[in-house]
Amino acid sequence: MAVMTFAALVAVATYSVAIGSNGWLWFGWVLLGLLTAGMAASRKP
């Protein structure tokens, strides 16, 4: 999940540089990041 989140960050950043920033893309990435953080926090050691 963390790898997918990092890949999404790279994709959104590349899109923003090439075409222009899109607020919905960044919003989606933040939600994905929060989901990833929540899953990591809920994992049992």
C-alpha atoms as a PDB file:
ATOM      1  CA  MET A   1       0.000   0.000   0.000  1.00  0.00           C
ATOM      2  CA  ALA A   2       2.858   2.382   0.813  1.00  0.00           C
ATOM      3  CA  VAL A   3       4.443   1.688  -2.573  1.00  0.00           C
ATOM      4  CA  MET A   4       1.165   2.494  -4.325  1.00  0.00           C
ATOM      5  CA  THR A   5       0.847   5.733  -2.327  1.00  0.00           C
ATOM      6  CA  PHE A   6       4.406   6.748  -3.249  1.00  0.00           C
ATOM      7  CA  ALA A   7       3.792   5.890  -6.912  1.00  0.00           C
ATOM      8  CA  ALA A   8       0.608   7.976  -6.853  1.00  0.00           C
ATOM      9  CA  LEU A   9       2.559  10.901  -5.375  1.00  0.00           C
ATOM     10  CA  VAL A  10       5.116  10.687  -8.176  1.00  0.00           C
ATOM     11  CA  ALA A  11       2.350  10.471 -10.789  1.00  0.00           C
ATOM     12  CA  VAL A  12       0.421  13.446  -9.377  1.00  0.00           C
ATOM     13  CA  ALA A  13       3.581  15.549  -9.057  1.00  0.00           C
ATOM     14  CA  THR A  14       4.635  14.702 -12.617  1.00  0.00           C
ATOM     15  CA  TYR A  15       1.158  15.555 -13.915  1.00  0.00           C
ATOM     16  CA  SER A  16       1.229  18.857 -12.033  1.00  0.00           C
ATOM     17  CA  VAL A  17       4.603  19.813 -13.511  1.00  0.00           C
ATOM     18  CA  ALA A  18       3.701  18.767 -17.059  1.00  0.00           C
ATOM     19  CA  ILE A  19       0.080  19.909 -17.366  1.00  0.00           C
ATOM     20  CA  GLY A  20      -0.734  22.008 -14.328  1.00  0.00           C
ATOM     21  CA  SER A  21      -1.956  21.460 -10.818  1.00  0.00           C
ATOM     22  CA  ASN A  22      -5.294  19.766 -10.296  1.00  0.00           C
ATOM     23  CA  GLY A  23      -6.819  20.125  -6.844  1.00  0.00           C
ATOM     24  CA  TRP A  24      -8.863  16.938  -7.147  1.00  0.00           C
ATOM     25  CA  LEU A  25      -5.738  14.873  -7.854  1.00  0.00           C
ATOM     26  CA  TRP A  26      -4.010  16.225  -4.765  1.00  0.00           C
ATOM     27  CA  PHE A  27      -7.172  15.708  -2.705  1.00  0.00           C
ATOM     28  CA  GLY A  28      -7.314  12.086  -3.868  1.00  0.00           C
ATOM     29  CA  TRP A  29      -3.655  11.596  -3.022  1.00  0.00           C
ATOM     30  CA  VAL A  30      -4.178  13.000   0.486  1.00  0.00           C
ATOM     31  CA  LEU A  31      -7.073  10.590   1.020  1.00  0.00           C
ATOM     32  CA  LEU A  32      -4.920   7.706  -0.205  1.00  0.00           C
ATOM     33  CA  GLY A  33      -2.139   8.802   2.157  1.00  0.00           C
ATOM     34  CA  LEU A  34      -4.539   8.957   5.099  1.00  0.00           C
ATOM     35  CA  LEU A  35      -5.877   5.505   4.243  1.00  0.00           C
ATOM     36  CA  THR A  36      -2.337   4.138   4.078  1.00  0.00           C
ATOM     37  CA  ALA A  37      -1.413   5.754   7.399  1.00  0.00           C
ATOM     38  CA  GLY A  38      -4.573   4.367   9.009  1.00  0.00           C
ATOM     39  CA  MET A  39      -3.844   0.864   7.754  1.00  0.00           C
ATOM     40  CA  ALA A  40      -0.248   1.083   8.977  1.00  0.00           C
ATOM     41  CA  ALA A  41      -1.385   2.308  12.400  1.00  0.00           C
ATOM     42  CA  SER A  42      -3.982  -0.434  12.783  1.00  0.00           C
ATOM     43  CA  ARG A  43      -1.516  -3.225  11.981  1.00  0.00           C
ATOM     44  CA  LYS A  44      -0.731  -5.509  14.860  1.00  0.00           C
ATOM     45  CA  PRO A  45       2.972  -5.988  15.569  1.00  0.00           C
END
